[in-house]
Amino acid sequence: KAIEDIANAADNDFIISTTGKISRELFEFKEHNDMSHSNEFLNV
């Protein structure tokens, strides 16, 4: 839920996320809400 709020607040800004569950949760939230992944770098 916290990551959802961060993704919404960041909007069109750029997000760089750490390896593990954090990147997976960010990716899934944006995927399920038809949000672009172009502004996120998933440091897997």
ModelCIF file with pLDDT and N, C-alpha, C, O atoms, coordinates in Angstrom:
data_MODEL
#
_entry.id   MODEL 
#
_entity.id                         1 
_entity.type                       polymer 
_entity.pdbx_number_of_molecules   1 
#
_entity_poly.entity_id                      1 
_entity_poly.type                           'polypeptide(L)' 
_entity_poly.nstd_linkage                   no 
_entity_poly.nstd_monomer                   no 
_entity_poly.pdbx_seq_one_letter_code       KAIEDIANAADNDFIISTTGKISRELFEFKEHNDMSHSNEFLNV 
_entity_poly.pdbx_seq_one_letter_code_can   KAIEDIANAADNDFIISTTGKISRELFEFKEHNDMSHSNEFLNV 
_entity_poly.pdbx_strand_id                 A 
#
loop_
_entity_poly_seq.entity_id 
_entity_poly_seq.num 
_entity_poly_seq.mon_id 
_entity_poly_seq.hetero 
1 1  LYS n 
1 2  ALA n 
1 3  ILE n 
1 4  GLU n 
1 5  ASP n 
1 6  ILE n 
1 7  ALA n 
1 8  ASN n 
1 9  ALA n 
1 10 ALA n 
1 11 ASP n 
1 12 ASN n 
1 13 ASP n 
1 14 PHE n 
1 15 ILE n 
1 16 ILE n 
1 17 SER n 
1 18 THR n 
1 19 THR n 
1 20 GLY n 
1 21 LYS n 
1 22 ILE n 
1 23 SER n 
1 24 ARG n 
1 25 GLU n 
1 26 LEU n 
1 27 PHE n 
1 28 GLU n 
1 29 PHE n 
1 30 LYS n 
1 31 GLU n 
1 32 HIS n 
1 33 ASN n 
1 34 ASP n 
1 35 MET n 
1 36 SER n 
1 37 HIS n 
1 38 SER n 
1 39 ASN n 
1 40 GLU n 
1 41 PHE n 
1 42 LEU n 
1 43 ASN n 
1 44 VAL n 
#
_struct_asym.id          A 
_struct_asym.entity_id   1 
#
loop_
_ma_qa_metric.id 
_ma_qa_metric.mode 
_ma_qa_metric.name 
_ma_qa_metric.software_group_id 
_ma_qa_metric.type 
1 global pLDDT . pLDDT 
2 local  pLDDT . pLDDT 
#
_ma_qa_metric_global.metric_id      1 
_ma_qa_metric_global.metric_value   94.95 
_ma_qa_metric_global.model_id       1 
_ma_qa_metric_global.ordinal_id     1 
#
loop_
_ma_qa_metric_local.label_asym_id 
_ma_qa_metric_local.label_comp_id 
_ma_qa_metric_local.label_seq_id 
_ma_qa_metric_local.metric_id 
_ma_qa_metric_local.metric_value 
_ma_qa_metric_local.model_id 
_ma_qa_metric_local.ordinal_id 
A LYS 1  2 96.00 1 1  
A ALA 2  2 97.00 1 2  
A ILE 3  2 97.00 1 3  
A GLU 4  2 96.00 1 4  
A ASP 5  2 96.00 1 5  
A ILE 6  2 97.00 1 6  
A ALA 7  2 96.00 1 7  
A ASN 8  2 95.00 1 8  
A ALA 9  2 95.00 1 9  
A ALA 10 2 95.00 1 10 
A ASP 11 2 91.00 1 11 
A ASN 12 2 91.00 1 12 
A ASP 13 2 96.00 1 13 
A PHE 14 2 97.00 1 14 
A ILE 15 2 98.00 1 15 
A ILE 16 2 98.00 1 16 
A SER 17 2 97.00 1 17 
A THR 18 2 97.00 1 18 
A THR 19 2 93.00 1 19 
A GLY 20 2 92.00 1 20 
A LYS 21 2 94.00 1 21 
A ILE 22 2 96.00 1 22 
A SER 23 2 96.00 1 23 
A ARG 24 2 95.00 1 24 
A GLU 25 2 96.00 1 25 
A LEU 26 2 96.00 1 26 
A PHE 27 2 96.00 1 27 
A GLU 28 2 96.00 1 28 
A PHE 29 2 95.00 1 29 
A LYS 30 2 95.00 1 30 
A GLU 31 2 94.00 1 31 
A HIS 32 2 93.00 1 32 
A ASN 33 2 93.00 1 33 
A ASP 34 2 91.00 1 34 
A MET 35 2 93.00 1 35 
A SER 36 2 92.00 1 36 
A HIS 37 2 94.00 1 37 
A SER 38 2 94.00 1 38 
A ASN 39 2 96.00 1 39 
A GLU 40 2 96.00 1 40 
A PHE 41 2 97.00 1 41 
A LEU 42 2 96.00 1 42 
A ASN 43 2 94.00 1 43 
A VAL 44 2 90.00 1 44 
#
loop_
_atom_site.group_PDB 
_atom_site.id 
_atom_site.type_symbol 
_atom_site.label_atom_id 
_atom_site.label_alt_id 
_atom_site.label_comp_id 
_atom_site.label_asym_id 
_atom_site.label_entity_id 
_atom_site.label_seq_id 
_atom_site.pdbx_PDB_ins_code 
_atom_site.Cartn_x 
_atom_site.Cartn_y 
_atom_site.Cartn_z 
_atom_site.occupancy 
_atom_site.B_iso_or_equiv 
_atom_site.pdbx_formal_charge 
_atom_site.auth_seq_id 
_atom_site.auth_comp_id 
_atom_site.auth_asym_id 
_atom_site.auth_atom_id 
_atom_site.pdbx_PDB_model_num 
ATOM 1   N N  . LYS A 1 1  ? 0.835  -1.207 0.000   1.00 96.00 ? 1  LYS A N  1 
ATOM 2   C CA . LYS A 1 1  ? 0.000  0.000  0.000   1.00 96.00 ? 1  LYS A CA 1 
ATOM 3   C C  . LYS A 1 1  ? 0.866  1.252  0.000   1.00 96.00 ? 1  LYS A C  1 
ATOM 4   O O  . LYS A 1 1  ? 0.548  2.231  -0.675  1.00 96.00 ? 1  LYS A O  1 
ATOM 5   N N  . ALA A 1 2  ? 1.953  1.222  0.752   1.00 97.00 ? 2  ALA A N  1 
ATOM 6   C CA . ALA A 1 2  ? 2.858  2.372  0.770   1.00 97.00 ? 2  ALA A CA 1 
ATOM 7   C C  . ALA A 1 2  ? 3.466  2.605  -0.608  1.00 97.00 ? 2  ALA A C  1 
ATOM 8   O O  . ALA A 1 2  ? 3.606  3.748  -1.045  1.00 97.00 ? 2  ALA A O  1 
ATOM 9   N N  . ILE A 1 3  ? 3.827  1.519  -1.293  1.00 97.00 ? 3  ILE A N  1 
ATOM 10  C CA . ILE A 1 3  ? 4.408  1.631  -2.629  1.00 97.00 ? 3  ILE A CA 1 
ATOM 11  C C  . ILE A 1 3  ? 3.389  2.179  -3.622  1.00 97.00 ? 3  ILE A C  1 
ATOM 12  O O  . ILE A 1 3  ? 3.744  2.951  -4.513  1.00 97.00 ? 3  ILE A O  1 
ATOM 13  N N  . GLU A 1 4  ? 2.136  1.789  -3.476  1.00 96.00 ? 4  GLU A N  1 
ATOM 14  C CA . GLU A 1 4  ? 1.085  2.357  -4.326  1.00 96.00 ? 4  GLU A CA 1 
ATOM 15  C C  . GLU A 1 4  ? 1.021  3.872  -4.163  1.00 96.00 ? 4  GLU A C  1 
ATOM 16  O O  . GLU A 1 4  ? 0.930  4.604  -5.148  1.00 96.00 ? 4  GLU A O  1 
ATOM 17  N N  . ASP A 1 5  ? 1.068  4.333  -2.928  1.00 96.00 ? 5  ASP A N  1 
ATOM 18  C CA . ASP A 1 5  ? 1.015  5.776  -2.670  1.00 96.00 ? 5  ASP A CA 1 
ATOM 19  C C  . ASP A 1 5  ? 2.235  6.484  -3.245  1.00 96.00 ? 5  ASP A C  1 
ATOM 20  O O  . ASP A 1 5  ? 2.125  7.587  -3.780  1.00 96.00 ? 5  ASP A O  1 
ATOM 21  N N  . ILE A 1 6  ? 3.390  5.850  -3.133  1.00 97.00 ? 6  ILE A N  1 
ATOM 22  C CA . ILE A 1 6  ? 4.616  6.453  -3.676  1.00 97.00 ? 6  ILE A CA 1 
ATOM 23  C C  . ILE A 1 6  ? 4.541  6.532  -5.191  1.00 97.00 ? 6  ILE A C  1 
ATOM 24  O O  . ILE A 1 6  ? 4.889  7.557  -5.777  1.00 97.00 ? 6  ILE A O  1 
ATOM 25  N N  . ALA A 1 7  ? 4.086  5.448  -5.838  1.00 96.00 ? 7  ALA A N  1 
ATOM 26  C CA . ALA A 1 7  ? 3.980  5.431  -7.305  1.00 96.00 ? 7  ALA A CA 1 
ATOM 27  C C  . ALA A 1 7  ? 3.013  6.506  -7.794  1.00 96.00 ? 7  ALA A C  1 
ATOM 28  O O  . ALA A 1 7  ? 3.271  7.165  -8.802  1.00 96.00 ? 7  ALA A O  1 
ATOM 29  N N  . ASN A 1 8  ? 1.906  6.682  -7.085  1.00 95.00 ? 8  ASN A N  1 
ATOM 30  C CA . ASN A 1 8  ? 0.938  7.714  -7.457  1.00 95.00 ? 8  ASN A CA 1 
ATOM 31  C C  . ASN A 1 8  ? 1.502  9.110  -7.244  1.00 95.00 ? 8  ASN A C  1 
ATOM 32  O O  . ASN A 1 8  ? 1.281  10.006 -8.058  1.00 95.00 ? 8  ASN A O  1 
ATOM 33  N N  . ALA A 1 9  ? 2.223  9.290  -6.156  1.00 95.00 ? 9  ALA A N  1 
ATOM 34  C CA . ALA A 1 9  ? 2.804  10.607 -5.873  1.00 95.00 ? 9  ALA A CA 1 
ATOM 35  C C  . ALA A 1 9  ? 3.894  10.951 -6.873  1.00 95.00 ? 9  ALA A C  1 
ATOM 36  O O  . ALA A 1 9  ? 4.006  12.096 -7.311  1.00 95.00 ? 9  ALA A O  1 
ATOM 37  N N  . ALA A 1 10 ? 4.703  9.952  -7.235  1.00 95.00 ? 10 ALA A N  1 
ATOM 38  C CA . ALA A 1 10 ? 5.786  10.183 -8.184  1.00 95.00 ? 10 ALA A CA 1 
ATOM 39  C C  . ALA A 1 10 ? 5.251  10.532 -9.572  1.00 95.00 ? 10 ALA A C  1 
ATOM 40  O O  . ALA A 1 10 ? 5.867  11.309 -10.302 1.00 95.00 ? 10 ALA A O  1 
ATOM 41  N N  . ASP A 1 11 ? 4.110  9.961  -9.931  1.00 91.00 ? 11 ASP A N  1 
ATOM 42  C CA . ASP A 1 11 ? 3.439  10.248 -11.193 1.00 91.00 ? 11 ASP A CA 1 
ATOM 43  C C  . ASP A 1 11 ? 4.414  10.094 -12.366 1.00 91.00 ? 11 ASP A C  1 
ATOM 44  O O  . ASP A 1 11 ? 4.839  8.980  -12.671 1.00 91.00 ? 11 ASP A O  1 
ATOM 45  N N  . ASN A 1 12 ? 4.767  11.194 -13.020 1.00 91.00 ? 12 ASN A N  1 
ATOM 46  C CA . ASN A 1 12 ? 5.650  11.129 -14.184 1.00 91.00 ? 12 ASN A CA 1 
ATOM 47  C C  . ASN A 1 12 ? 7.121  11.333 -13.847 1.00 91.00 ? 12 ASN A C  1 
ATOM 48  O O  . ASN A 1 12 ? 7.964  11.404 -14.741 1.00 91.00 ? 12 ASN A O  1 
ATOM 49  N N  . ASP A 1 13 ? 7.426  11.426 -12.560 1.00 96.00 ? 13 ASP A N  1 
ATOM 50  C CA . ASP A 1 13 ? 8.830  11.489 -12.152 1.00 96.00 ? 13 ASP A CA 1 
ATOM 51  C C  . ASP A 1 13 ? 9.494  10.135 -12.408 1.00 96.00 ? 13 ASP A C  1 
ATOM 52  O O  . ASP A 1 13 ? 8.844  9.192  -12.860 1.00 96.00 ? 13 ASP A O  1 
ATOM 53  N N  . PHE A 1 14 ? 10.775 10.049 -12.118 1.00 97.00 ? 14 PHE A N  1 
ATOM 54  C CA . PHE A 1 14 ? 11.526 8.819  -12.347 1.00 97.00 ? 14 PHE A CA 1 
ATOM 55  C C  . PHE A 1 14 ? 11.738 8.064  -11.038 1.00 97.00 ? 14 PHE A C  1 
ATOM 56  O O  . PHE A 1 14 ? 12.082 8.656  -10.015 1.00 97.00 ? 14 PHE A O  1 
ATOM 57  N N  . ILE A 1 15 ? 11.526 6.750  -11.085 1.00 98.00 ? 15 ILE A N  1 
ATOM 58  C CA . ILE A 1 15 ? 11.647 5.900  -9.903  1.00 98.00 ? 15 ILE A CA 1 
ATOM 59  C C  . ILE A 1 15 ? 12.721 4.841  -10.141 1.00 98.00 ? 15 ILE A C  1 
ATOM 60  O O  . ILE A 1 15 ? 12.744 4.183  -11.181 1.00 98.00 ? 15 ILE A O  1 
ATOM 61  N N  . ILE A 1 16 ? 13.598 4.691  -9.170  1.00 98.00 ? 16 ILE A N  1 
ATOM 62  C CA . ILE A 1 16 ? 14.610 3.641  -9.206  1.00 98.00 ? 16 ILE A CA 1 
ATOM 63  C C  . ILE A 1 16 ? 14.403 2.798  -7.955  1.00 98.00 ? 16 ILE A C  1 
ATOM 64  O O  . ILE A 1 16 ? 14.495 3.309  -6.839  1.00 98.00 ? 16 ILE A O  1 
ATOM 65  N N  . SER A 1 17 ? 14.125 1.513  -8.134  1.00 97.00 ? 17 SER A N  1 
ATOM 66  C CA . SER A 1 17 ? 13.745 0.677  -6.987  1.00 97.00 ? 17 SER A CA 1 
ATOM 67  C C  . SER A 1 17 ? 14.730 -0.468 -6.776  1.00 97.00 ? 17 SER A C  1 
ATOM 68  O O  . SER A 1 17 ? 15.315 -0.989 -7.725  1.00 97.00 ? 17 SER A O  1 
ATOM 69  N N  . THR A 1 18 ? 14.896 -0.845 -5.523  1.00 97.00 ? 18 THR A N  1 
ATOM 70  C CA . THR A 1 18 ? 15.877 -1.853 -5.151  1.00 97.00 ? 18 THR A CA 1 
ATOM 71  C C  . THR A 1 18 ? 15.418 -3.266 -5.493  1.00 97.00 ? 18 THR A C  1 
ATOM 72  O O  . THR A 1 18 ? 14.250 -3.491 -5.811  1.00 97.00 ? 18 THR A O  1 
ATOM 73  N N  . THR A 1 19 ? 16.329 -4.191 -5.425  1.00 93.00 ? 19 THR A N  1 
ATOM 74  C CA . THR A 1 19 ? 16.062 -5.589 -5.762  1.00 93.00 ? 19 THR A CA 1 
ATOM 75  C C  . THR A 1 19 ? 15.090 -6.238 -4.778  1.00 93.00 ? 19 THR A C  1 
ATOM 76  O O  . THR A 1 19 ? 14.983 -5.812 -3.628  1.00 93.00 ? 19 THR A O  1 
ATOM 77  N N  . GLY A 1 20 ? 14.385 -7.271 -5.238  1.00 92.00 ? 20 GLY A N  1 
ATOM 78  C CA . GLY A 1 20 ? 13.507 -8.031 -4.351  1.00 92.00 ? 20 GLY A CA 1 
ATOM 79  C C  . GLY A 1 20 ? 12.049 -7.632 -4.437  1.00 92.00 ? 20 GLY A C  1 
ATOM 80  O O  . GLY A 1 20 ? 11.570 -7.180 -5.477  1.00 92.00 ? 20 GLY A O  1 
ATOM 81  N N  . LYS A 1 21 ? 11.346 -7.810 -3.317  1.00 94.00 ? 21 LYS A N  1 
ATOM 82  C CA . LYS A 1 21 ? 9.897  -7.622 -3.280  1.00 94.00 ? 21 LYS A CA 1 
ATOM 83  C C  . LYS A 1 21 ? 9.491  -6.178 -3.603  1.00 94.00 ? 21 LYS A C  1 
ATOM 84  O O  . LYS A 1 21 ? 8.426  -5.954 -4.178  1.00 94.00 ? 21 LYS A O  1 
ATOM 85  N N  . ILE A 1 22 ? 10.314 -5.216 -3.243  1.00 96.00 ? 22 ILE A N  1 
ATOM 86  C CA . ILE A 1 22 ? 9.959  -3.808 -3.484  1.00 96.00 ? 22 ILE A CA 1 
ATOM 87  C C  . ILE A 1 22 ? 9.764  -3.554 -4.975  1.00 96.00 ? 22 ILE A C  1 
ATOM 88  O O  . ILE A 1 22 ? 8.765  -2.956 -5.373  1.00 96.00 ? 22 ILE A O  1 
ATOM 89  N N  . SER A 1 23 ? 10.699 -3.998 -5.798  1.00 96.00 ? 23 SER A N  1 
ATOM 90  C CA . SER A 1 23 ? 10.562 -3.809 -7.250  1.00 96.00 ? 23 SER A CA 1 
ATOM 91  C C  . SER A 1 23 ? 9.387  -4.611 -7.803  1.00 96.00 ? 23 SER A C  1 
ATOM 92  O O  . SER A 1 23 ? 8.685  -4.148 -8.701  1.00 96.00 ? 23 SER A O  1 
ATOM 93  N N  . ARG A 1 24 ? 9.176  -5.802 -7.272  1.00 95.00 ? 24 ARG A N  1 
ATOM 94  C CA . ARG A 1 24 ? 8.064  -6.627 -7.748  1.00 95.00 ? 24 ARG A CA 1 
ATOM 95  C C  . ARG A 1 24 ? 6.719  -5.983 -7.407  1.00 95.00 ? 24 ARG A C  1 
ATOM 96  O O  . ARG A 1 24 ? 5.800  -6.001 -8.225  1.00 95.00 ? 24 ARG A O  1 
ATOM 97  N N  . GLU A 1 25 ? 6.601  -5.424 -6.225  1.00 96.00 ? 25 GLU A N  1 
ATOM 98  C CA . GLU A 1 25 ? 5.347  -4.781 -5.824  1.00 96.00 ? 25 GLU A CA 1 
ATOM 99  C C  . GLU A 1 25 ? 5.096  -3.504 -6.612  1.00 96.00 ? 25 GLU A C  1 
ATOM 100 O O  . GLU A 1 25 ? 3.957  -3.202 -6.970  1.00 96.00 ? 25 GLU A O  1 
ATOM 101 N N  . LEU A 1 26 ? 6.152  -2.761 -6.880  1.00 96.00 ? 26 LEU A N  1 
ATOM 102 C CA . LEU A 1 26 ? 6.013  -1.564 -7.712  1.00 96.00 ? 26 LEU A CA 1 
ATOM 103 C C  . LEU A 1 26 ? 5.563  -1.951 -9.118  1.00 96.00 ? 26 LEU A C  1 
ATOM 104 O O  . LEU A 1 26 ? 4.640  -1.349 -9.667  1.00 96.00 ? 26 LEU A O  1 
ATOM 105 N N  . PHE A 1 27 ? 6.214  -2.951 -9.694  1.00 96.00 ? 27 PHE A N  1 
ATOM 106 C CA . PHE A 1 27 ? 5.886  -3.375 -11.047 1.00 96.00 ? 27 PHE A CA 1 
ATOM 107 C C  . PHE A 1 27 ? 4.434  -3.859 -11.128 1.00 96.00 ? 27 PHE A C  1 
ATOM 108 O O  . PHE A 1 27 ? 3.702  -3.484 -12.045 1.00 96.00 ? 27 PHE A O  1 
ATOM 109 N N  . GLU A 1 28 ? 4.022  -4.691 -10.166 1.00 96.00 ? 28 GLU A N  1 
ATOM 110 C CA . GLU A 1 28 ? 2.662  -5.242 -10.226 1.00 96.00 ? 28 GLU A CA 1 
ATOM 111 C C  . GLU A 1 28 ? 1.606  -4.150 -10.104 1.00 96.00 ? 28 GLU A C  1 
ATOM 112 O O  . GLU A 1 28 ? 0.608  -4.170 -10.825 1.00 96.00 ? 28 GLU A O  1 
ATOM 113 N N  . PHE A 1 29 ? 1.818  -3.195 -9.193  1.00 95.00 ? 29 PHE A N  1 
ATOM 114 C CA . PHE A 1 29 ? 0.838  -2.124 -9.041  1.00 95.00 ? 29 PHE A CA 1 
ATOM 115 C C  . PHE A 1 29 ? 0.673  -1.355 -10.350 1.00 95.00 ? 29 PHE A C  1 
ATOM 116 O O  . PHE A 1 29 ? -0.452 -1.102 -10.781 1.00 95.00 ? 29 PHE A O  1 
ATOM 117 N N  . LYS A 1 30 ? 1.780  -0.985 -10.980 1.00 95.00 ? 30 LYS A N  1 
ATOM 118 C CA . LYS A 1 30 ? 1.695  -0.214 -12.213 1.00 95.00 ? 30 LYS A CA 1 
ATOM 119 C C  . LYS A 1 30 ? 1.118  -1.054 -13.351 1.00 95.00 ? 30 LYS A C  1 
ATOM 120 O O  . LYS A 1 30 ? 0.377  -0.547 -14.193 1.00 95.00 ? 30 LYS A O  1 
ATOM 121 N N  . GLU A 1 31 ? 1.463  -2.333 -13.367 1.00 94.00 ? 31 GLU A N  1 
ATOM 122 C CA . GLU A 1 31 ? 0.953  -3.235 -14.397 1.00 94.00 ? 31 GLU A CA 1 
ATOM 123 C C  . GLU A 1 31 ? -0.568 -3.363 -14.299 1.00 94.00 ? 31 GLU A C  1 
ATOM 124 O O  . GLU A 1 31 ? -1.260 -3.313 -15.316 1.00 94.00 ? 31 GLU A O  1 
ATOM 125 N N  . HIS A 1 32 ? -1.087 -3.526 -13.087 1.00 93.00 ? 32 HIS A N  1 
ATOM 126 C CA . HIS A 1 32 ? -2.522 -3.718 -12.890 1.00 93.00 ? 32 HIS A CA 1 
ATOM 127 C C  . HIS A 1 32 ? -3.322 -2.432 -13.044 1.00 93.00 ? 32 HIS A C  1 
ATOM 128 O O  . HIS A 1 32 ? -4.547 -2.471 -13.159 1.00 93.00 ? 32 HIS A O  1 
ATOM 129 N N  . ASN A 1 33 ? -2.638 -1.298 -13.046 1.00 93.00 ? 33 ASN A N  1 
ATOM 130 C CA . ASN A 1 33 ? -3.336 -0.017 -13.180 1.00 93.00 ? 33 ASN A CA 1 
ATOM 131 C C  . ASN A 1 33 ? -2.998 0.681  -14.489 1.00 93.00 ? 33 ASN A C  1 
ATOM 132 O O  . ASN A 1 33 ? -3.177 1.891  -14.629 1.00 93.00 ? 33 ASN A O  1 
ATOM 133 N N  . ASP A 1 34 ? -2.506 -0.099 -15.444 1.00 91.00 ? 34 ASP A N  1 
ATOM 134 C CA . ASP A 1 34 ? -2.200 0.409  -16.796 1.00 91.00 ? 34 ASP A CA 1 
ATOM 135 C C  . ASP A 1 34 ? -1.316 1.646  -16.766 1.00 91.00 ? 34 ASP A C  1 
ATOM 136 O O  . ASP A 1 34 ? -1.498 2.570  -17.560 1.00 91.00 ? 34 ASP A O  1 
ATOM 137 N N  . MET A 1 35 ? -0.367 1.659  -15.857 1.00 93.00 ? 35 MET A N  1 
ATOM 138 C CA . MET A 1 35 ? 0.588  2.760  -15.760 1.00 93.00 ? 35 MET A CA 1 
ATOM 139 C C  . MET A 1 35 ? 1.867  2.381  -16.491 1.00 93.00 ? 35 MET A C  1 
ATOM 140 O O  . MET A 1 35 ? 2.269  1.217  -16.478 1.00 93.00 ? 35 MET A O  1 
ATOM 141 N N  . SER A 1 36 ? 2.495  3.336  -17.114 1.00 92.00 ? 36 SER A N  1 
ATOM 142 C CA . SER A 1 36 ? 3.710  3.081  -17.882 1.00 92.00 ? 36 SER A CA 1 
ATOM 143 C C  . SER A 1 36 ? 4.850  2.637  -16.966 1.00 92.00 ? 36 SER A C  1 
ATOM 144 O O  . SER A 1 36 ? 4.996  3.119  -15.843 1.00 92.00 ? 36 SER A O  1 
ATOM 145 N N  . HIS A 1 37 ? 5.651  1.706  -17.480 1.00 94.00 ? 37 HIS A N  1 
ATOM 146 C CA . HIS A 1 37 ? 6.846  1.275  -16.756 1.00 94.00 ? 37 HIS A CA 1 
ATOM 147 C C  . HIS A 1 37 ? 8.086  2.041  -17.211 1.00 94.00 ? 37 HIS A C  1 
ATOM 148 O O  . HIS A 1 37 ? 9.175  1.829  -16.678 1.00 94.00 ? 37 HIS A O  1 
ATOM 149 N N  . SER A 1 38 ? 7.928  2.924  -18.189 1.00 94.00 ? 38 SER A N  1 
ATOM 150 C CA . SER A 1 38 ? 9.089  3.584  -18.784 1.00 94.00 ? 38 SER A CA 1 
ATOM 151 C C  . SER A 1 38 ? 9.849  4.469  -17.804 1.00 94.00 ? 38 SER A C  1 
ATOM 152 O O  . SER A 1 38 ? 11.050 4.687  -17.961 1.00 94.00 ? 38 SER A O  1 
ATOM 153 N N  . ASN A 1 39 ? 9.144  4.982  -16.784 1.00 96.00 ? 39 ASN A N  1 
ATOM 154 C CA . ASN A 1 39 ? 9.803  5.888  -15.845 1.00 96.00 ? 39 ASN A CA 1 
ATOM 155 C C  . ASN A 1 39 ? 10.321 5.178  -14.604 1.00 96.00 ? 39 ASN A C  1 
ATOM 156 O O  . ASN A 1 39 ? 10.683 5.832  -13.625 1.00 96.00 ? 39 ASN A O  1 
ATOM 157 N N  . GLU A 1 40 ? 10.363 3.833  -14.630 1.00 96.00 ? 40 GLU A N  1 
ATOM 158 C CA . GLU A 1 40 ? 10.879 3.084  -13.482 1.00 96.00 ? 40 GLU A CA 1 
ATOM 159 C C  . GLU A 1 40 ? 12.071 2.238  -13.907 1.00 96.00 ? 40 GLU A C  1 
ATOM 160 O O  . GLU A 1 40 ? 12.032 1.575  -14.944 1.00 96.00 ? 40 GLU A O  1 
ATOM 161 N N  . PHE A 1 41 ? 13.120 2.262  -13.111 1.00 97.00 ? 41 PHE A N  1 
ATOM 162 C CA . PHE A 1 41 ? 14.257 1.376  -13.333 1.00 97.00 ? 41 PHE A CA 1 
ATOM 163 C C  . PHE A 1 41 ? 14.262 0.382  -12.186 1.00 97.00 ? 41 PHE A C  1 
ATOM 164 O O  . PHE A 1 41 ? 14.470 0.748  -11.030 1.00 97.00 ? 41 PHE A O  1 
ATOM 165 N N  . LEU A 1 42 ? 14.027 -0.890 -12.523 1.00 96.00 ? 42 LEU A N  1 
ATOM 166 C CA . LEU A 1 42 ? 13.977 -1.944 -11.515 1.00 96.00 ? 42 LEU A CA 1 
ATOM 167 C C  . LEU A 1 42 ? 15.371 -2.535 -11.354 1.00 96.00 ? 42 LEU A C  1 
ATOM 168 O O  . LEU A 1 42 ? 15.844 -3.292 -12.201 1.00 96.00 ? 42 LEU A O  1 
ATOM 169 N N  . ASN A 1 43 ? 16.015 -2.175 -10.254 1.00 94.00 ? 43 ASN A N  1 
ATOM 170 C CA . ASN A 1 43 ? 17.370 -2.657 -10.007 1.00 94.00 ? 43 ASN A CA 1 
ATOM 171 C C  . ASN A 1 43 ? 17.281 -4.078 -9.453  1.00 94.00 ? 43 ASN A C  1 
ATOM 172 O O  . ASN A 1 43 ? 17.371 -4.286 -8.243  1.00 94.00 ? 43 ASN A O  1 
ATOM 173 N N  . VAL A 1 44 ? 17.103 -5.059 -10.351 1.00 90.00 ? 44 VAL A N  1 
ATOM 174 C CA . VAL A 1 44 ? 16.751 -6.407 -9.925  1.00 90.00 ? 44 VAL A CA 1 
ATOM 175 C C  . VAL A 1 44 ? 17.894 -7.152 -9.240  1.00 90.00 ? 44 VAL A C  1 
ATOM 176 O O  . VAL A 1 44 ? 17.725 -8.301 -8.833  1.00 90.00 ? 44 VAL A O  1 
#
